[in-house]
N, C-alpha and C. Protein backbone atom coordinates (compact mmCIF):
# COMPACT_ATOMS: atom_id res chain seq x y z
N MET A 1 43.30 85.03 111.33
CA MET A 1 44.54 85.39 110.69
C MET A 1 44.27 86.14 109.39
N VAL A 2 43.27 85.71 108.62
CA VAL A 2 42.97 86.36 107.36
C VAL A 2 42.49 87.78 107.62
N GLY A 3 41.80 87.99 108.73
CA GLY A 3 41.31 89.32 109.06
C GLY A 3 42.43 90.30 109.35
N ASP A 4 43.65 89.82 109.69
CA ASP A 4 44.77 90.69 109.98
C ASP A 4 45.43 91.24 108.72
N LEU A 5 45.15 90.66 107.55
CA LEU A 5 45.78 91.08 106.32
C LEU A 5 45.18 92.39 105.85
N ASP A 6 46.04 93.34 105.52
CA ASP A 6 45.60 94.62 105.00
C ASP A 6 45.70 94.57 103.49
N PRO A 7 44.58 94.62 102.75
CA PRO A 7 44.63 94.48 101.30
C PRO A 7 45.37 95.61 100.61
N THR A 8 45.59 96.71 101.30
CA THR A 8 46.32 97.82 100.69
C THR A 8 47.82 97.68 100.87
N ARG A 9 48.26 96.77 101.73
CA ARG A 9 49.69 96.60 102.00
C ARG A 9 50.16 95.24 101.52
N PRO A 10 50.98 95.18 100.45
CA PRO A 10 51.47 93.89 99.97
C PRO A 10 52.48 93.27 100.94
N ILE A 11 52.56 91.94 100.92
CA ILE A 11 53.48 91.19 101.78
C ILE A 11 54.72 90.84 100.95
N PRO A 12 55.92 91.27 101.36
CA PRO A 12 57.12 90.95 100.58
C PRO A 12 57.44 89.46 100.64
N LEU A 13 57.94 88.92 99.52
CA LEU A 13 58.32 87.52 99.42
C LEU A 13 59.75 87.42 98.90
N GLY A 14 60.46 86.39 99.33
CA GLY A 14 61.79 86.12 98.80
C GLY A 14 62.85 87.03 99.36
N ALA A 15 64.07 86.79 98.90
CA ALA A 15 65.23 87.52 99.43
C ALA A 15 65.33 88.93 98.87
N SER A 16 64.95 89.13 97.61
CA SER A 16 65.12 90.44 96.98
C SER A 16 64.02 91.41 97.37
N GLY A 17 62.85 90.92 97.74
CA GLY A 17 61.74 91.79 98.07
C GLY A 17 61.01 92.32 96.86
N ARG A 18 61.42 91.90 95.65
CA ARG A 18 60.72 92.35 94.44
C ARG A 18 59.40 91.63 94.25
N LEU A 19 59.29 90.42 94.79
CA LEU A 19 58.02 89.70 94.73
C LEU A 19 57.17 90.12 95.92
N VAL A 20 55.90 90.35 95.67
CA VAL A 20 54.97 90.71 96.75
C VAL A 20 53.71 89.88 96.60
N ALA A 21 53.08 89.57 97.73
CA ALA A 21 51.81 88.86 97.74
C ALA A 21 50.73 89.85 98.16
N ILE A 22 49.69 89.91 97.36
CA ILE A 22 48.59 90.84 97.61
C ILE A 22 47.36 90.02 98.01
N PRO A 23 46.82 90.23 99.21
CA PRO A 23 45.61 89.51 99.62
C PRO A 23 44.41 89.95 98.78
N LEU A 24 43.64 88.97 98.31
CA LEU A 24 42.45 89.24 97.51
C LEU A 24 41.26 88.52 98.10
N THR A 25 40.07 89.07 97.86
CA THR A 25 38.81 88.43 98.21
C THR A 25 37.87 88.63 97.04
N ASN A 26 37.26 87.54 96.56
CA ASN A 26 36.33 87.68 95.43
C ASN A 26 34.93 88.01 95.93
N ALA A 27 33.98 88.06 94.99
CA ALA A 27 32.61 88.49 95.32
C ALA A 27 31.90 87.56 96.30
N VAL A 28 32.27 86.26 96.32
CA VAL A 28 31.60 85.33 97.23
C VAL A 28 32.37 85.13 98.53
N GLY A 29 33.47 85.86 98.72
CA GLY A 29 34.20 85.80 99.98
C GLY A 29 35.36 84.82 100.01
N ASP A 30 35.73 84.23 98.88
CA ASP A 30 36.90 83.35 98.84
C ASP A 30 38.17 84.19 98.87
N HIS A 31 39.14 83.72 99.66
CA HIS A 31 40.39 84.47 99.82
C HIS A 31 41.49 83.85 98.97
N ALA A 32 42.43 84.70 98.54
CA ALA A 32 43.57 84.24 97.75
C ALA A 32 44.72 85.22 97.94
N LEU A 33 45.90 84.78 97.52
CA LEU A 33 47.07 85.66 97.47
C LEU A 33 47.54 85.72 96.03
N LEU A 34 47.69 86.93 95.51
CA LEU A 34 48.21 87.13 94.17
C LEU A 34 49.67 87.53 94.30
N VAL A 35 50.56 86.73 93.72
CA VAL A 35 52.00 87.03 93.77
C VAL A 35 52.33 87.85 92.53
N ARG A 36 52.91 89.02 92.76
CA ARG A 36 53.25 89.94 91.67
C ARG A 36 54.70 90.36 91.76
N GLN A 37 55.25 90.72 90.62
CA GLN A 37 56.56 91.36 90.55
C GLN A 37 56.39 92.58 89.67
N GLY A 38 56.41 93.73 90.30
CA GLY A 38 56.11 94.96 89.56
C GLY A 38 54.66 94.94 89.12
N ASP A 39 54.44 95.10 87.82
CA ASP A 39 53.08 95.09 87.27
C ASP A 39 52.66 93.71 86.78
N ALA A 40 53.58 92.74 86.81
CA ALA A 40 53.29 91.41 86.27
C ALA A 40 52.79 90.47 87.36
N SER A 41 51.67 89.79 87.09
CA SER A 41 51.16 88.77 88.00
C SER A 41 51.93 87.48 87.74
N ARG A 42 52.43 86.85 88.82
CA ARG A 42 53.27 85.66 88.67
C ARG A 42 52.55 84.38 89.06
N ALA A 43 51.76 84.41 90.13
CA ALA A 43 51.08 83.20 90.61
C ALA A 43 49.90 83.60 91.49
N LEU A 44 48.96 82.67 91.61
CA LEU A 44 47.81 82.87 92.48
C LEU A 44 47.75 81.68 93.43
N LEU A 45 47.63 81.96 94.72
CA LEU A 45 47.50 80.91 95.73
C LEU A 45 46.11 81.02 96.34
N THR A 46 45.41 79.91 96.33
CA THR A 46 44.06 79.89 96.88
C THR A 46 43.78 78.51 97.45
N GLY A 47 42.57 78.27 97.84
CA GLY A 47 42.20 76.97 98.39
C GLY A 47 40.85 76.53 97.87
N GLU A 48 40.68 75.21 97.82
CA GLU A 48 39.40 74.62 97.45
C GLU A 48 38.90 73.81 98.62
N GLN A 49 37.61 73.94 98.92
CA GLN A 49 37.04 73.22 100.04
C GLN A 49 36.88 71.75 99.68
N GLN A 50 37.36 70.88 100.56
CA GLN A 50 37.25 69.44 100.40
C GLN A 50 36.47 68.89 101.60
N ALA A 51 36.27 67.58 101.61
CA ALA A 51 35.50 66.96 102.68
C ALA A 51 36.20 67.10 104.03
N GLU A 52 37.49 66.70 104.11
CA GLU A 52 38.20 66.73 105.39
C GLU A 52 39.16 67.92 105.50
N ARG A 53 39.97 68.13 104.46
CA ARG A 53 40.95 69.22 104.48
C ARG A 53 40.78 70.04 103.22
N ASP A 54 41.04 71.33 103.33
CA ASP A 54 41.01 72.17 102.14
C ASP A 54 42.25 71.88 101.30
N ARG A 55 42.09 71.93 100.01
CA ARG A 55 43.19 71.71 99.07
C ARG A 55 43.82 73.06 98.75
N VAL A 56 45.14 73.14 98.83
CA VAL A 56 45.86 74.35 98.45
C VAL A 56 46.07 74.31 96.94
N VAL A 57 45.71 75.39 96.27
CA VAL A 57 45.81 75.47 94.82
C VAL A 57 46.79 76.58 94.47
N VAL A 58 47.83 76.21 93.72
CA VAL A 58 48.81 77.18 93.23
C VAL A 58 48.63 77.26 91.72
N VAL A 59 48.31 78.44 91.23
CA VAL A 59 48.09 78.64 89.80
C VAL A 59 49.24 79.47 89.24
N PRO A 60 50.17 78.85 88.50
CA PRO A 60 51.25 79.62 87.88
C PRO A 60 50.68 80.52 86.78
N LEU A 61 51.10 81.78 86.76
CA LEU A 61 50.59 82.71 85.76
C LEU A 61 51.65 83.09 84.73
N ASP A 62 52.87 82.55 84.87
CA ASP A 62 53.89 82.72 83.83
C ASP A 62 54.80 81.49 83.82
N ASP A 63 55.75 81.47 82.90
CA ASP A 63 56.61 80.29 82.72
C ASP A 63 57.73 80.20 83.75
N ASP A 64 57.94 81.23 84.54
CA ASP A 64 59.06 81.23 85.48
C ASP A 64 58.60 80.96 86.91
N VAL A 65 57.53 80.18 87.08
CA VAL A 65 57.05 79.79 88.40
C VAL A 65 57.41 78.32 88.59
N GLU A 66 58.14 78.03 89.66
CA GLU A 66 58.57 76.65 89.94
C GLU A 66 57.67 76.04 91.01
N LEU A 67 57.14 74.88 90.72
CA LEU A 67 56.34 74.14 91.70
C LEU A 67 57.18 73.00 92.22
N ARG A 68 57.42 72.96 93.51
CA ARG A 68 58.20 71.90 94.11
C ARG A 68 57.26 70.92 94.77
N MET A 69 57.40 69.66 94.39
CA MET A 69 56.49 68.63 94.86
C MET A 69 57.10 67.73 95.92
N ASP A 70 58.34 67.98 96.30
CA ASP A 70 59.00 67.08 97.24
C ASP A 70 58.82 67.56 98.67
N GLY A 71 59.03 66.66 99.61
CA GLY A 71 58.89 66.99 101.01
C GLY A 71 60.05 67.79 101.56
N ASP A 72 61.14 67.89 100.81
CA ASP A 72 62.31 68.61 101.28
C ASP A 72 62.27 70.09 100.96
N ALA A 73 61.30 70.55 100.18
CA ALA A 73 61.26 71.94 99.76
C ALA A 73 61.16 72.88 100.97
N LEU A 74 60.36 72.55 101.96
CA LEU A 74 60.23 73.39 103.15
C LEU A 74 61.53 73.39 103.94
N ALA A 75 62.16 72.23 104.09
CA ALA A 75 63.41 72.15 104.83
C ALA A 75 64.51 72.96 104.14
N VAL A 76 64.55 72.91 102.83
CA VAL A 76 65.55 73.69 102.09
C VAL A 76 65.30 75.17 102.30
N TRP A 77 64.04 75.59 102.24
CA TRP A 77 63.73 77.00 102.43
C TRP A 77 64.07 77.46 103.85
N LEU A 78 63.74 76.64 104.85
CA LEU A 78 64.04 77.01 106.23
C LEU A 78 65.53 77.07 106.50
N ALA A 79 66.29 76.15 105.92
CA ALA A 79 67.73 76.08 106.17
C ALA A 79 68.52 77.11 105.39
N THR A 80 67.94 77.70 104.37
CA THR A 80 68.68 78.62 103.53
C THR A 80 69.29 79.76 104.34
N GLY A 81 68.56 80.32 105.25
CA GLY A 81 69.08 81.44 106.02
C GLY A 81 70.12 81.06 107.05
N SER A 82 70.13 79.81 107.48
CA SER A 82 71.05 79.44 108.56
C SER A 82 72.31 78.76 108.07
N VAL A 83 72.34 78.24 106.84
CA VAL A 83 73.52 77.51 106.40
C VAL A 83 74.23 78.16 105.21
N THR A 84 73.69 79.22 104.65
CA THR A 84 74.35 79.86 103.52
C THR A 84 75.42 80.81 104.00
N SER A 85 76.30 81.17 103.09
CA SER A 85 77.39 82.07 103.47
C SER A 85 76.91 83.48 103.72
N GLY A 86 75.71 83.82 103.28
CA GLY A 86 75.19 85.15 103.49
C GLY A 86 74.68 85.39 104.90
N ALA A 87 74.68 84.37 105.73
CA ALA A 87 74.18 84.52 107.09
C ALA A 87 75.15 85.37 107.91
N ALA A 88 74.60 86.10 108.85
CA ALA A 88 75.43 86.95 109.70
C ALA A 88 76.37 86.09 110.54
N GLU A 89 77.61 86.49 110.56
CA GLU A 89 78.60 85.75 111.33
C GLU A 89 78.61 86.27 112.77
N SER A 90 78.80 85.37 113.70
CA SER A 90 78.91 85.78 115.09
C SER A 90 80.28 85.36 115.60
N SER A 91 80.86 86.21 116.41
CA SER A 91 82.16 85.88 116.96
C SER A 91 82.01 85.55 118.44
N VAL A 92 82.75 84.54 118.86
CA VAL A 92 82.73 84.12 120.25
C VAL A 92 83.99 84.67 120.91
N PRO A 93 83.86 85.29 122.07
CA PRO A 93 85.04 85.84 122.74
C PRO A 93 86.04 84.73 123.10
N ALA A 94 87.32 85.10 123.13
CA ALA A 94 88.38 84.14 123.41
C ALA A 94 88.21 83.50 124.79
N TRP A 95 87.77 84.28 125.78
CA TRP A 95 87.61 83.72 127.12
C TRP A 95 86.54 82.63 127.14
N ALA A 96 85.46 82.80 126.32
CA ALA A 96 84.41 81.78 126.26
C ALA A 96 84.94 80.50 125.60
N ASN A 97 85.77 80.67 124.57
CA ASN A 97 86.39 79.50 123.94
C ASN A 97 87.30 78.78 124.93
N ALA A 98 88.07 79.53 125.73
CA ALA A 98 88.98 78.93 126.70
C ALA A 98 88.20 78.16 127.77
N ILE A 99 87.12 78.74 128.26
CA ILE A 99 86.31 78.05 129.28
C ILE A 99 85.70 76.78 128.69
N GLY A 100 85.18 76.86 127.47
CA GLY A 100 84.62 75.67 126.83
C GLY A 100 85.66 74.58 126.64
N PHE A 101 86.88 74.97 126.23
CA PHE A 101 87.96 74.00 126.05
C PHE A 101 88.33 73.34 127.37
N LEU A 102 88.42 74.13 128.45
CA LEU A 102 88.74 73.57 129.77
C LEU A 102 87.63 72.62 130.25
N LEU A 103 86.38 72.96 129.99
CA LEU A 103 85.28 72.09 130.39
C LEU A 103 85.33 70.76 129.62
N ILE A 104 85.68 70.82 128.36
CA ILE A 104 85.81 69.58 127.58
C ILE A 104 86.96 68.73 128.12
N LEU A 105 88.10 69.37 128.45
CA LEU A 105 89.22 68.62 129.03
C LEU A 105 88.84 68.00 130.37
N LEU A 106 88.11 68.75 131.19
CA LEU A 106 87.66 68.24 132.49
C LEU A 106 86.73 67.04 132.29
N MET A 107 85.80 67.14 131.35
CA MET A 107 84.89 66.03 131.07
C MET A 107 85.66 64.82 130.55
N LEU A 108 86.64 65.05 129.70
CA LEU A 108 87.46 63.95 129.19
C LEU A 108 88.23 63.28 130.34
N GLY A 109 88.76 64.09 131.26
CA GLY A 109 89.48 63.54 132.42
C GLY A 109 88.58 62.68 133.29
N PHE A 110 87.36 63.18 133.57
CA PHE A 110 86.42 62.40 134.38
C PHE A 110 86.00 61.12 133.66
N THR A 111 85.89 61.18 132.33
CA THR A 111 85.54 59.99 131.56
C THR A 111 86.63 58.94 131.67
N ILE A 112 87.88 59.36 131.53
CA ILE A 112 89.00 58.42 131.64
C ILE A 112 89.10 57.85 133.05
N LEU A 113 88.97 58.71 134.05
CA LEU A 113 89.03 58.27 135.45
C LEU A 113 87.90 57.28 135.75
N GLY A 114 86.69 57.58 135.29
CA GLY A 114 85.57 56.68 135.51
C GLY A 114 85.76 55.34 134.80
N SER A 115 86.29 55.38 133.58
CA SER A 115 86.54 54.13 132.86
C SER A 115 87.58 53.28 133.57
N LEU A 116 88.67 53.90 134.03
CA LEU A 116 89.71 53.15 134.75
C LEU A 116 89.15 52.54 136.03
N THR A 117 88.34 53.30 136.74
CA THR A 117 87.74 52.80 137.98
C THR A 117 86.81 51.62 137.69
N PHE A 118 85.95 51.77 136.70
CA PHE A 118 85.00 50.71 136.37
C PHE A 118 85.72 49.45 135.94
N PHE A 119 86.66 49.58 135.01
CA PHE A 119 87.34 48.38 134.52
C PHE A 119 88.25 47.77 135.59
N GLY A 120 88.77 48.58 136.53
CA GLY A 120 89.52 48.04 137.65
C GLY A 120 88.64 47.16 138.54
N TRP A 121 87.41 47.66 138.81
CA TRP A 121 86.46 46.88 139.61
C TRP A 121 86.05 45.62 138.85
N LEU A 122 85.86 45.74 137.56
CA LEU A 122 85.43 44.60 136.76
C LEU A 122 86.51 43.51 136.73
N VAL A 123 87.78 43.91 136.58
CA VAL A 123 88.87 42.92 136.56
C VAL A 123 88.98 42.24 137.92
N ARG A 124 88.86 43.00 139.02
CA ARG A 124 88.94 42.41 140.36
C ARG A 124 87.75 41.48 140.62
N ALA A 125 86.59 41.82 140.09
CA ALA A 125 85.41 40.98 140.33
C ALA A 125 85.50 39.66 139.55
N LEU A 126 86.12 39.69 138.38
CA LEU A 126 86.21 38.49 137.57
C LEU A 126 87.40 37.62 137.90
N THR A 127 88.36 38.12 138.66
CA THR A 127 89.53 37.27 139.02
C THR A 127 89.44 36.76 140.42
């Protein structure tokens, strides 16, 4: 995956696209991502080798970098596009709504009929 990164092409981050991540490699071959906005460096993401798992290291380079330590940060980021008002709206055709409504009514009818049948058998079995 690291080999697919083109160091001459920054990766856009965030909704505005003003933040970009630039892949870096130092003299000993360690890889990192430098997050920049314009000419200003904002953060550095890298890793440290550990015994079992590598540790992800985020180095804030200015005061406006937020580090989220909770387990919900990923869920919030993933849900942002699907639950915000900025999401693209889709319209369902009226005929599809009508078919769905009829199917729900049919299912409700079968549920009532099945309940009446079951409880009728139950009352007859107990009397």
